[in-house]
Amino acid sequence: VVVVGDDIVSAAAGLIDLLLAAGGELVTVLTGDGIGPEVGAALTDHV
């Protein structure tokens, strides 16, 4: 565990920041069972 967040969006945003620290041009997010489209939309805004 490298990031602890208040919810999955904040934890995912922190994880994306860490993964992009070494560079990158494309972020792919796969959402699991029970996860709504609002999570993907929030992470898109963050990126």
All heavy atoms as atom14 arrays in JSON, in Angstrom:
{
  "sequence": "VVVVGDDIVSAAAGLIDLLLAAGGELVTVLTGDGIGPEVGAALTDHV",
  "atom14_mask": [
    [1, 1, 1, 1, 1, 1, 1, 0, 0, 0, 0, 0, 0, 0],
    [1, 1, 1, 1, 1, 1, 1, 0, 0, 0, 0, 0, 0, 0],
    [1, 1, 1, 1, 1, 1, 1, 0, 0, 0, 0, 0, 0, 0],
    [1, 1, 1, 1, 1, 1, 1, 0, 0, 0, 0, 0, 0, 0],
    [1, 1, 1, 1, 0, 0, 0, 0, 0, 0, 0, 0, 0, 0],
    [1, 1, 1, 1, 1, 1, 1, 1, 0, 0, 0, 0, 0, 0],
    [1, 1, 1, 1, 1, 1, 1, 1, 0, 0, 0, 0, 0, 0],
    [1, 1, 1, 1, 1, 1, 1, 1, 0, 0, 0, 0, 0, 0],
    [1, 1, 1, 1, 1, 1, 1, 0, 0, 0, 0, 0, 0, 0],
    [1, 1, 1, 1, 1, 1, 0, 0, 0, 0, 0, 0, 0, 0],
    [1, 1, 1, 1, 1, 0, 0, 0, 0, 0, 0, 0, 0, 0],
    [1, 1, 1, 1, 1, 0, 0, 0, 0, 0, 0, 0, 0, 0],
    [1, 1, 1, 1, 1, 0, 0, 0, 0, 0, 0, 0, 0, 0],
    [1, 1, 1, 1, 0, 0, 0, 0, 0, 0, 0, 0, 0, 0],
    [1, 1, 1, 1, 1, 1, 1, 1, 0, 0, 0, 0, 0, 0],
    [1, 1, 1, 1, 1, 1, 1, 1, 0, 0, 0, 0, 0, 0],
    [1, 1, 1, 1, 1, 1, 1, 1, 0, 0, 0, 0, 0, 0],
    [1, 1, 1, 1, 1, 1, 1, 1, 0, 0, 0, 0, 0, 0],
    [1, 1, 1, 1, 1, 1, 1, 1, 0, 0, 0, 0, 0, 0],
    [1, 1, 1, 1, 1, 1, 1, 1, 0, 0, 0, 0, 0, 0],
    [1, 1, 1, 1, 1, 0, 0, 0, 0, 0, 0, 0, 0, 0],
    [1, 1, 1, 1, 1, 0, 0, 0, 0, 0, 0, 0, 0, 0],
    [1, 1, 1, 1, 0, 0, 0, 0, 0, 0, 0, 0, 0, 0],
    [1, 1, 1, 1, 0, 0, 0, 0, 0, 0, 0, 0, 0, 0],
    [1, 1, 1, 1, 1, 1, 1, 1, 1, 0, 0, 0, 0, 0],
    [1, 1, 1, 1, 1, 1, 1, 1, 0, 0, 0, 0, 0, 0],
    [1, 1, 1, 1, 1, 1, 1, 0, 0, 0, 0, 0, 0, 0],
    [1, 1, 1, 1, 1, 1, 1, 0, 0, 0, 0, 0, 0, 0],
    [1, 1, 1, 1, 1, 1, 1, 0, 0, 0, 0, 0, 0, 0],
    [1, 1, 1, 1, 1, 1, 1, 1, 0, 0, 0, 0, 0, 0],
    [1, 1, 1, 1, 1, 1, 1, 0, 0, 0, 0, 0, 0, 0],
    [1, 1, 1, 1, 0, 0, 0, 0, 0, 0, 0, 0, 0, 0],
    [1, 1, 1, 1, 1, 1, 1, 1, 0, 0, 0, 0, 0, 0],
    [1, 1, 1, 1, 0, 0, 0, 0, 0, 0, 0, 0, 0, 0],
    [1, 1, 1, 1, 1, 1, 1, 1, 0, 0, 0, 0, 0, 0],
    [1, 1, 1, 1, 0, 0, 0, 0, 0, 0, 0, 0, 0, 0],
    [1, 1, 1, 1, 1, 1, 1, 0, 0, 0, 0, 0, 0, 0],
    [1, 1, 1, 1, 1, 1, 1, 1, 1, 0, 0, 0, 0, 0],
    [1, 1, 1, 1, 1, 1, 1, 0, 0, 0, 0, 0, 0, 0],
    [1, 1, 1, 1, 0, 0, 0, 0, 0, 0, 0, 0, 0, 0],
    [1, 1, 1, 1, 1, 0, 0, 0, 0, 0, 0, 0, 0, 0],
    [1, 1, 1, 1, 1, 0, 0, 0, 0, 0, 0, 0, 0, 0],
    [1, 1, 1, 1, 1, 1, 1, 1, 0, 0, 0, 0, 0, 0],
    [1, 1, 1, 1, 1, 1, 1, 0, 0, 0, 0, 0, 0, 0],
    [1, 1, 1, 1, 1, 1, 1, 1, 0, 0, 0, 0, 0, 0],
    [1, 1, 1, 1, 1, 1, 1, 1, 1, 1, 0, 0, 0, 0],
    [1, 1, 1, 1, 1, 1, 1, 0, 0, 0, 0, 0, 0, 0]
  ],
  "atom14_positions": [
    [[0.86, -1.18, 0.0], [0.0, 0.0, 0.0], [0.9, 1.24, 0.0], [1.72, 1.42, 0.91], [-0.92, 0.01, 1.24], [-1.72, 1.32, 1.29], [-1.86, -1.19, 1.21], [0.0, 0.0, 0.0], [0.0, 0.0, 0.0], [0.0, 0.0, 0.0], [0.0, 0.0, 0.0], [0.0, 0.0, 0.0], [0.0, 0.0, 0.0], [0.0, 0.0, 0.0]],
    [[0.78, 2.06, -1.03], [1.64, 3.24, -1.14], [0.86, 4.53, -0.96], [1.46, 5.61, -0.79], [2.36, 3.26, -2.51], [3.33, 2.09, -2.62], [1.36, 3.22, -3.67], [0.0, 0.0, 0.0], [0.0, 0.0, 0.0], [0.0, 0.0, 0.0], [0.0, 0.0, 0.0], [0.0, 0.0, 0.0], [0.0, 0.0, 0.0], [0.0, 0.0, 0.0]],
    [[-0.47, 4.47, -0.97], [-1.31, 5.65, -0.78], [-2.51, 5.25, 0.06], [-3.14, 4.23, -0.2], [-1.8, 6.24, -2.12], [-2.75, 7.42, -1.88], [-0.65, 6.67, -2.99], [0.0, 0.0, 0.0], [0.0, 0.0, 0.0], [0.0, 0.0, 0.0], [0.0, 0.0, 0.0], [0.0, 0.0, 0.0], [0.0, 0.0, 0.0], [0.0, 0.0, 0.0]],
    [[-2.82, 6.06, 1.06], [-4.07, 5.9, 1.82], [-4.88, 7.17, 1.62], [-4.4, 8.28, 1.88], [-3.82, 5.67, 3.32], [-5.14, 5.62, 4.09], [-3.04, 4.38, 3.54], [0.0, 0.0, 0.0], [0.0, 0.0, 0.0], [0.0, 0.0, 0.0], [0.0, 0.0, 0.0], [0.0, 0.0, 0.0], [0.0, 0.0, 0.0], [0.0, 0.0, 0.0]],
    [[-6.1, 7.04, 1.12], [-6.97, 8.2, 0.89], [-8.29, 8.06, 1.6], [-8.65, 6.96, 2.06], [0.0, 0.0, 0.0], [0.0, 0.0, 0.0], [0.0, 0.0, 0.0], [0.0, 0.0, 0.0], [0.0, 0.0, 0.0], [0.0, 0.0, 0.0], [0.0, 0.0, 0.0], [0.0, 0.0, 0.0], [0.0, 0.0, 0.0], [0.0, 0.0, 0.0]],
    [[-9.02, 9.17, 1.66], [-10.32, 9.12, 2.34], [-11.33, 8.27, 1.57], [-12.28, 7.76, 2.15], [-10.88, 10.55, 2.5], [-10.05, 11.37, 3.47], [-9.4, 10.76, 4.34], [-10.05, 12.6, 3.35], [0.0, 0.0, 0.0], [0.0, 0.0, 0.0], [0.0, 0.0, 0.0], [0.0, 0.0, 0.0], [0.0, 0.0, 0.0], [0.0, 0.0, 0.0]],
    [[-11.13, 8.15, 0.26], [-12.02, 7.33, -0.56], [-11.22, 6.82, -1.75], [-10.02, 7.1, -1.88], [-13.25, 8.13, -1.02], [-12.87, 9.45, -1.67], [-11.77, 9.53, -2.3], [-13.65, 10.41, -1.59], [0.0, 0.0, 0.0], [0.0, 0.0, 0.0], [0.0, 0.0, 0.0], [0.0, 0.0, 0.0], [0.0, 0.0, 0.0], [0.0, 0.0, 0.0]],
    [[-11.87, 6.08, -2.63], [-11.12, 5.48, -3.73], [-10.65, 6.54, -4.74], [-9.61, 6.36, -5.38], [-11.93, 4.38, -4.44], [-13.23, 4.93, -5.04], [-12.22, 3.23, -3.51], [-13.97, 3.9, -5.9], [0.0, 0.0, 0.0], [0.0, 0.0, 0.0], [0.0, 0.0, 0.0], [0.0, 0.0, 0.0], [0.0, 0.0, 0.0], [0.0, 0.0, 0.0]],
    [[-11.39, 7.65, -4.87], [-10.96, 8.68, -5.83], [-9.68, 9.34, -5.36], [-8.72, 9.51, -6.14], [-12.08, 9.73, -6.02], [-11.55, 10.92, -6.85], [-13.28, 9.13, -6.71], [0.0, 0.0, 0.0], [0.0, 0.0, 0.0], [0.0, 0.0, 0.0], [0.0, 0.0, 0.0], [0.0, 0.0, 0.0], [0.0, 0.0, 0.0], [0.0, 0.0, 0.0]],
    [[-9.6, 9.71, -4.09], [-8.38, 10.36, -3.59], [-7.2, 9.39, -3.61], [-6.07, 9.77, -3.93], [-8.61, 10.9, -2.18], [-8.96, 9.87, -1.28], [0.0, 0.0, 0.0], [0.0, 0.0, 0.0], [0.0, 0.0, 0.0], [0.0, 0.0, 0.0], [0.0, 0.0, 0.0], [0.0, 0.0, 0.0], [0.0, 0.0, 0.0], [0.0, 0.0, 0.0]],
    [[-7.45, 8.11, -3.27], [-6.37, 7.14, -3.32], [-5.9, 6.92, -4.75], [-4.69, 6.83, -5.01], [-6.84, 5.81, -2.71], [0.0, 0.0, 0.0], [0.0, 0.0, 0.0], [0.0, 0.0, 0.0], [0.0, 0.0, 0.0], [0.0, 0.0, 0.0], [0.0, 0.0, 0.0], [0.0, 0.0, 0.0], [0.0, 0.0, 0.0], [0.0, 0.0, 0.0]],
    [[-6.84, 6.86, -5.7], [-6.47, 6.67, -7.1], [-5.71, 7.86, -7.64], [-4.73, 7.71, -8.39], [-7.73, 6.42, -7.94], [0.0, 0.0, 0.0], [0.0, 0.0, 0.0], [0.0, 0.0, 0.0], [0.0, 0.0, 0.0], [0.0, 0.0, 0.0], [0.0, 0.0, 0.0], [0.0, 0.0, 0.0], [0.0, 0.0, 0.0], [0.0, 0.0, 0.0]],
    [[-6.11, 9.07, -7.26], [-5.41, 10.27, -7.72], [-3.97, 10.26, -7.22], [-3.03, 10.58, -7.97], [-6.15, 11.52, -7.24], [0.0, 0.0, 0.0], [0.0, 0.0, 0.0], [0.0, 0.0, 0.0], [0.0, 0.0, 0.0], [0.0, 0.0, 0.0], [0.0, 0.0, 0.0], [0.0, 0.0, 0.0], [0.0, 0.0, 0.0], [0.0, 0.0, 0.0]],
    [[-3.78, 9.89, -5.94], [-2.43, 9.83, -5.41], [-1.6, 8.76, -6.1], [-0.4, 8.96, -6.36], [0.0, 0.0, 0.0], [0.0, 0.0, 0.0], [0.0, 0.0, 0.0], [0.0, 0.0, 0.0], [0.0, 0.0, 0.0], [0.0, 0.0, 0.0], [0.0, 0.0, 0.0], [0.0, 0.0, 0.0], [0.0, 0.0, 0.0], [0.0, 0.0, 0.0]],
    [[-2.21, 7.61, -6.4], [-1.49, 6.53, -7.08], [-1.1, 6.95, -8.5], [0.02, 6.67, -8.95], [-2.35, 5.27, -7.11], [-1.74, 4.04, -7.8], [-0.44, 3.62, -7.11], [-2.74, 2.88, -7.8], [0.0, 0.0, 0.0], [0.0, 0.0, 0.0], [0.0, 0.0, 0.0], [0.0, 0.0, 0.0], [0.0, 0.0, 0.0], [0.0, 0.0, 0.0]],
    [[-1.99, 7.64, -9.19], [-1.68, 8.13, -10.55], [-0.51, 9.1, -10.5], [0.41, 9.05, -11.34], [-2.92, 8.78, -11.19], [-3.97, 7.71, -11.52], [-2.54, 9.58, -12.44], [-5.31, 8.27, -11.97], [0.0, 0.0, 0.0], [0.0, 0.0, 0.0], [0.0, 0.0, 0.0], [0.0, 0.0, 0.0], [0.0, 0.0, 0.0], [0.0, 0.0, 0.0]],
    [[-0.5, 9.97, -9.51], [0.61, 10.93, -9.37], [1.93, 10.19, -9.2], [2.95, 10.58, -9.79], [0.36, 11.86, -8.18], [-0.82, 12.79, -8.38], [-1.24, 12.96, -9.56], [-1.33, 13.32, -7.38], [0.0, 0.0, 0.0], [0.0, 0.0, 0.0], [0.0, 0.0, 0.0], [0.0, 0.0, 0.0], [0.0, 0.0, 0.0], [0.0, 0.0, 0.0]],
    [[1.93, 9.15, -8.37], [3.16, 8.39, -8.15], [3.61, 7.67, -9.43], [4.8, 7.66, -9.77], [2.95, 7.37, -7.05], [2.89, 7.89, -5.6], [2.57, 6.76, -4.64], [4.21, 8.56, -5.23], [0.0, 0.0, 0.0], [0.0, 0.0, 0.0], [0.0, 0.0, 0.0], [0.0, 0.0, 0.0], [0.0, 0.0, 0.0], [0.0, 0.0, 0.0]],
    [[2.66, 7.06, -10.15], [3.01, 6.33, -11.36], [3.51, 7.26, -12.46], [4.38, 6.88, -13.26], [1.8, 5.54, -11.86], [1.34, 4.37, -10.97], [0.03, 3.77, -11.5], [2.41, 3.28, -10.89], [0.0, 0.0, 0.0], [0.0, 0.0, 0.0], [0.0, 0.0, 0.0], [0.0, 0.0, 0.0], [0.0, 0.0, 0.0], [0.0, 0.0, 0.0]],
    [[2.97, 8.48, -12.5], [3.4, 9.45, -13.51], [4.69, 10.17, -13.14], [5.25, 10.89, -13.98], [2.3, 10.49, -13.76], [1.12, 10.03, -14.62], [0.02, 11.09, -14.61], [1.58, 9.75, -16.05], [0.0, 0.0, 0.0], [0.0, 0.0, 0.0], [0.0, 0.0, 0.0], [0.0, 0.0, 0.0], [0.0, 0.0, 0.0], [0.0, 0.0, 0.0]],
    [[5.17, 9.96, -11.92], [6.39, 10.64, -11.5], [7.58, 10.25, -12.36], [8.52, 11.02, -12.56], [6.69, 10.33, -10.03], [0.0, 0.0, 0.0], [0.0, 0.0, 0.0], [0.0, 0.0, 0.0], [0.0, 0.0, 0.0], [0.0, 0.0, 0.0], [0.0, 0.0, 0.0], [0.0, 0.0, 0.0], [0.0, 0.0, 0.0], [0.0, 0.0, 0.0]],
    [[7.53, 9.01, -12.91], [8.61, 8.55, -13.79], [8.31, 8.83, -15.25], [9.02, 8.36, -16.14], [8.83, 7.06, -13.58], [0.0, 0.0, 0.0], [0.0, 0.0, 0.0], [0.0, 0.0, 0.0], [0.0, 0.0, 0.0], [0.0, 0.0, 0.0], [0.0, 0.0, 0.0], [0.0, 0.0, 0.0], [0.0, 0.0, 0.0], [0.0, 0.0, 0.0]],
    [[7.26, 9.62, -15.52], [6.9, 9.95, -16.89], [5.75, 9.1, -17.39], [5.38, 8.09, -16.78], [0.0, 0.0, 0.0], [0.0, 0.0, 0.0], [0.0, 0.0, 0.0], [0.0, 0.0, 0.0], [0.0, 0.0, 0.0], [0.0, 0.0, 0.0], [0.0, 0.0, 0.0], [0.0, 0.0, 0.0], [0.0, 0.0, 0.0], [0.0, 0.0, 0.0]],
    [[5.19, 9.53, -18.5], [4.07, 8.78, -19.08], [3.19, 9.69, -19.9], [3.06, 10.89, -19.6], [0.0, 0.0, 0.0], [0.0, 0.0, 0.0], [0.0, 0.0, 0.0], [0.0, 0.0, 0.0], [0.0, 0.0, 0.0], [0.0, 0.0, 0.0], [0.0, 0.0, 0.0], [0.0, 0.0, 0.0], [0.0, 0.0, 0.0], [0.0, 0.0, 0.0]],
    [[2.55, 9.12, -20.92], [1.7, 9.9, -21.8], [0.25, 9.44, -21.77], [-0.65, 10.12, -22.24], [2.2, 9.79, -23.25], [3.62, 10.29, -23.45], [4.13, 10.04, -24.86], [3.46, 9.27, -25.6], [5.16, 10.62, -25.21], [0.0, 0.0, 0.0], [0.0, 0.0, 0.0], [0.0, 0.0, 0.0], [0.0, 0.0, 0.0], [0.0, 0.0, 0.0]],
    [[0.0, 8.23, -21.24], [-1.36, 7.68, -21.24], [-1.65, 7.01, -19.91], [-0.88, 6.18, -19.44], [-1.51, 6.66, -22.38], [-2.82, 5.85, -22.41], [-4.01, 6.76, -22.68], [-2.75, 4.73, -23.43], [0.0, 0.0, 0.0], [0.0, 0.0, 0.0], [0.0, 0.0, 0.0], [0.0, 0.0, 0.0], [0.0, 0.0, 0.0], [0.0, 0.0, 0.0]],
    [[-2.79, 7.35, -19.31], [-3.28, 6.71, -18.1], [-4.52, 5.9, -18.47], [-5.45, 6.44, -19.09], [-3.63, 7.73, -17.0], [-4.21, 7.02, -15.77], [-2.4, 8.55, -16.62], [0.0, 0.0, 0.0], [0.0, 0.0, 0.0], [0.0, 0.0, 0.0], [0.0, 0.0, 0.0], [0.0, 0.0, 0.0], [0.0, 0.0, 0.0], [0.0, 0.0, 0.0]],
    [[-4.53, 4.64, -18.09], [-5.68, 3.78, -18.32], [-6.27, 3.37, -16.98], [-5.54, 2.89, -16.11], [-5.28, 2.51, -19.11], [-4.72, 2.88, -20.37], [-6.5, 1.63, -19.36], [0.0, 0.0, 0.0], [0.0, 0.0, 0.0], [0.0, 0.0, 0.0], [0.0, 0.0, 0.0], [0.0, 0.0, 0.0], [0.0, 0.0, 0.0], [0.0, 0.0, 0.0]],
    [[-7.57, 3.58, -16.82], [-8.25, 3.21, -15.58], [-9.36, 2.23, -15.93], [-10.22, 2.52, -16.76], [-8.84, 4.44, -14.87], [-9.65, 4.01, -13.64], [-7.74, 5.41, -14.46], [0.0, 0.0, 0.0], [0.0, 0.0, 0.0], [0.0, 0.0, 0.0], [0.0, 0.0, 0.0], [0.0, 0.0, 0.0], [0.0, 0.0, 0.0], [0.0, 0.0, 0.0]],
    [[-9.32, 1.07, -15.28], [-10.36, 0.06, -15.43], [-11.17, 0.03, -14.15], [-10.62, -0.18, -13.06], [-9.76, -1.32, -15.7], [-8.76, -1.43, -16.85], [-8.31, -2.88, -17.02], [-9.37, -0.91, -18.15], [0.0, 0.0, 0.0], [0.0, 0.0, 0.0], [0.0, 0.0, 0.0], [0.0, 0.0, 0.0], [0.0, 0.0, 0.0], [0.0, 0.0, 0.0]],
    [[-12.47, 0.26, -14.24], [-13.31, 0.33, -13.05], [-13.98, -1.02, -12.81], [-14.45, -1.7, -13.73], [-14.38, 1.42, -13.2], [-15.19, 1.16, -14.35], [-13.74, 2.79, -13.36], [0.0, 0.0, 0.0], [0.0, 0.0, 0.0], [0.0, 0.0, 0.0], [0.0, 0.0, 0.0], [0.0, 0.0, 0.0], [0.0, 0.0, 0.0], [0.0, 0.0, 0.0]],
    [[-14.05, -1.4, -11.54], [-14.53, -2.71, -11.17], [-16.02, -2.77, -10.89], [-16.76, -1.79, -11.08], [0.0, 0.0, 0.0], [0.0, 0.0, 0.0], [0.0, 0.0, 0.0], [0.0, 0.0, 0.0], [0.0, 0.0, 0.0], [0.0, 0.0, 0.0], [0.0, 0.0, 0.0], [0.0, 0.0, 0.0], [0.0, 0.0, 0.0], [0.0, 0.0, 0.0]],
    [[-16.45, -3.91, -10.41], [-17.85, -4.16, -10.13], [-18.37, -3.17, -9.1], [-17.78, -2.99, -8.04], [-18.0, -5.6, -9.61], [-19.45, -6.0, -9.41], [-20.31, -5.49, -10.16], [-19.71, -6.82, -8.52], [0.0, 0.0, 0.0], [0.0, 0.0, 0.0], [0.0, 0.0, 0.0], [0.0, 0.0, 0.0], [0.0, 0.0, 0.0], [0.0, 0.0, 0.0]],
    [[-19.48, -2.5, -9.41], [-20.1, -1.57, -8.48], [-19.54, -0.16, -8.52], [-20.01, 0.71, -7.77], [0.0, 0.0, 0.0], [0.0, 0.0, 0.0], [0.0, 0.0, 0.0], [0.0, 0.0, 0.0], [0.0, 0.0, 0.0], [0.0, 0.0, 0.0], [0.0, 0.0, 0.0], [0.0, 0.0, 0.0], [0.0, 0.0, 0.0], [0.0, 0.0, 0.0]],
    [[-18.55, 0.08, -9.34], [-17.95, 1.43, -9.43], [-18.65, 2.21, -10.55], [-18.68, 1.77, -11.7], [-16.44, 1.36, -9.69], [-15.77, 0.5, -8.62], [-15.84, 2.75, -9.76], [-15.95, 1.02, -7.21], [0.0, 0.0, 0.0], [0.0, 0.0, 0.0], [0.0, 0.0, 0.0], [0.0, 0.0, 0.0], [0.0, 0.0, 0.0], [0.0, 0.0, 0.0]],
    [[-19.2, 3.37, -10.2], [-19.96, 4.17, -11.15], [-19.09, 5.04, -12.03], [-17.89, 5.23, -11.76], [0.0, 0.0, 0.0], [0.0, 0.0, 0.0], [0.0, 0.0, 0.0], [0.0, 0.0, 0.0], [0.0, 0.0, 0.0], [0.0, 0.0, 0.0], [0.0, 0.0, 0.0], [0.0, 0.0, 0.0], [0.0, 0.0, 0.0], [0.0, 0.0, 0.0]],
    [[-19.66, 5.63, -13.08], [-18.9, 6.47, -14.02], [-18.37, 7.75, -13.41], [-17.44, 8.37, -13.95], [-19.92, 6.76, -15.13], [-21.26, 6.58, -14.49], [-21.07, 5.49, -13.49], [0.0, 0.0, 0.0], [0.0, 0.0, 0.0], [0.0, 0.0, 0.0], [0.0, 0.0, 0.0], [0.0, 0.0, 0.0], [0.0, 0.0, 0.0], [0.0, 0.0, 0.0]],
    [[-18.95, 8.16, -12.28], [-18.48, 9.4, -11.66], [-17.03, 9.29, -11.17], [-16.3, 10.29, -11.11], [-19.39, 9.8, -10.5], [-19.37, 8.88, -9.29], [-20.22, 7.63, -9.44], [-20.85, 7.48, -10.51], [-20.24, 6.8, -8.5], [0.0, 0.0, 0.0], [0.0, 0.0, 0.0], [0.0, 0.0, 0.0], [0.0, 0.0, 0.0], [0.0, 0.0, 0.0]],
    [[-16.6, 8.07, -10.83], [-15.21, 7.88, -10.4], [-14.26, 8.16, -11.55], [-13.26, 8.89, -11.4], [-15.01, 6.46, -9.86], [-13.52, 6.2, -9.56], [-15.83, 6.25, -8.59], [0.0, 0.0, 0.0], [0.0, 0.0, 0.0], [0.0, 0.0, 0.0], [0.0, 0.0, 0.0], [0.0, 0.0, 0.0], [0.0, 0.0, 0.0], [0.0, 0.0, 0.0]],
    [[-14.53, 7.59, -12.72], [-13.7, 7.84, -13.88], [-13.69, 9.29, -14.27], [-12.65, 9.85, -14.65], [0.0, 0.0, 0.0], [0.0, 0.0, 0.0], [0.0, 0.0, 0.0], [0.0, 0.0, 0.0], [0.0, 0.0, 0.0], [0.0, 0.0, 0.0], [0.0, 0.0, 0.0], [0.0, 0.0, 0.0], [0.0, 0.0, 0.0], [0.0, 0.0, 0.0]],
    [[-14.85, 9.96, -14.17], [-14.93, 11.38, -14.52], [-14.08, 12.23, -13.58], [-13.37, 13.16, -14.02], [-16.38, 11.84, -14.48], [0.0, 0.0, 0.0], [0.0, 0.0, 0.0], [0.0, 0.0, 0.0], [0.0, 0.0, 0.0], [0.0, 0.0, 0.0], [0.0, 0.0, 0.0], [0.0, 0.0, 0.0], [0.0, 0.0, 0.0], [0.0, 0.0, 0.0]],
    [[-14.11, 11.9, -12.29], [-13.31, 12.66, -11.31], [-11.82, 12.47, -11.57], [-11.03, 13.44, -11.47], [-13.67, 12.21, -9.89], [0.0, 0.0, 0.0], [0.0, 0.0, 0.0], [0.0, 0.0, 0.0], [0.0, 0.0, 0.0], [0.0, 0.0, 0.0], [0.0, 0.0, 0.0], [0.0, 0.0, 0.0], [0.0, 0.0, 0.0], [0.0, 0.0, 0.0]],
    [[-11.4, 11.27, -11.91], [-9.99, 11.02, -12.17], [-9.54, 11.66, -13.48], [-8.4, 12.12, -13.59], [-9.72, 9.51, -12.19], [-9.9, 8.8, -10.85], [-9.71, 7.3, -10.99], [-8.92, 9.37, -9.8], [0.0, 0.0, 0.0], [0.0, 0.0, 0.0], [0.0, 0.0, 0.0], [0.0, 0.0, 0.0], [0.0, 0.0, 0.0], [0.0, 0.0, 0.0]],
    [[-10.43, 11.72, -14.44], [-10.1, 12.42, -15.7], [-9.84, 13.88, -15.42], [-8.87, 14.49, -15.94], [-11.25, 12.24, -16.72], [-11.42, 10.86, -17.01], [-10.96, 13.0, -18.0], [0.0, 0.0, 0.0], [0.0, 0.0, 0.0], [0.0, 0.0, 0.0], [0.0, 0.0, 0.0], [0.0, 0.0, 0.0], [0.0, 0.0, 0.0], [0.0, 0.0, 0.0]],
    [[-10.69, 14.52, -14.61], [-10.48, 15.93, -14.24], [-9.14, 16.1, -13.53], [-8.41, 17.08, -13.79], [-11.62, 16.4, -13.33], [-12.95, 16.51, -14.07], [-12.93, 16.57, -15.32], [-14.0, 16.53, -13.39], [0.0, 0.0, 0.0], [0.0, 0.0, 0.0], [0.0, 0.0, 0.0], [0.0, 0.0, 0.0], [0.0, 0.0, 0.0], [0.0, 0.0, 0.0]],
    [[-8.81, 15.17, -12.64], [-7.54, 15.26, -11.91], [-6.34, 15.19, -12.85], [-5.39, 15.99, -12.74], [-7.46, 14.15, -10.86], [-6.11, 14.06, -10.2], [-5.69, 14.93, -9.23], [-5.07, 13.19, -10.4], [-4.47, 14.62, -8.84], [-4.07, 13.56, -9.53], [0.0, 0.0, 0.0], [0.0, 0.0, 0.0], [0.0, 0.0, 0.0], [0.0, 0.0, 0.0]],
    [[-6.37, 14.25, -13.78], [-5.24, 14.09, -14.71], [-5.11, 15.32, -15.6], [-4.0, 15.83, -15.81], [-5.42, 12.81, -15.56], [-4.41, 12.78, -16.71], [-5.27, 11.58, -14.68], [0.0, 0.0, 0.0], [0.0, 0.0, 0.0], [0.0, 0.0, 0.0], [0.0, 0.0, 0.0], [0.0, 0.0, 0.0], [0.0, 0.0, 0.0], [0.0, 0.0, 0.0]]
  ]
}
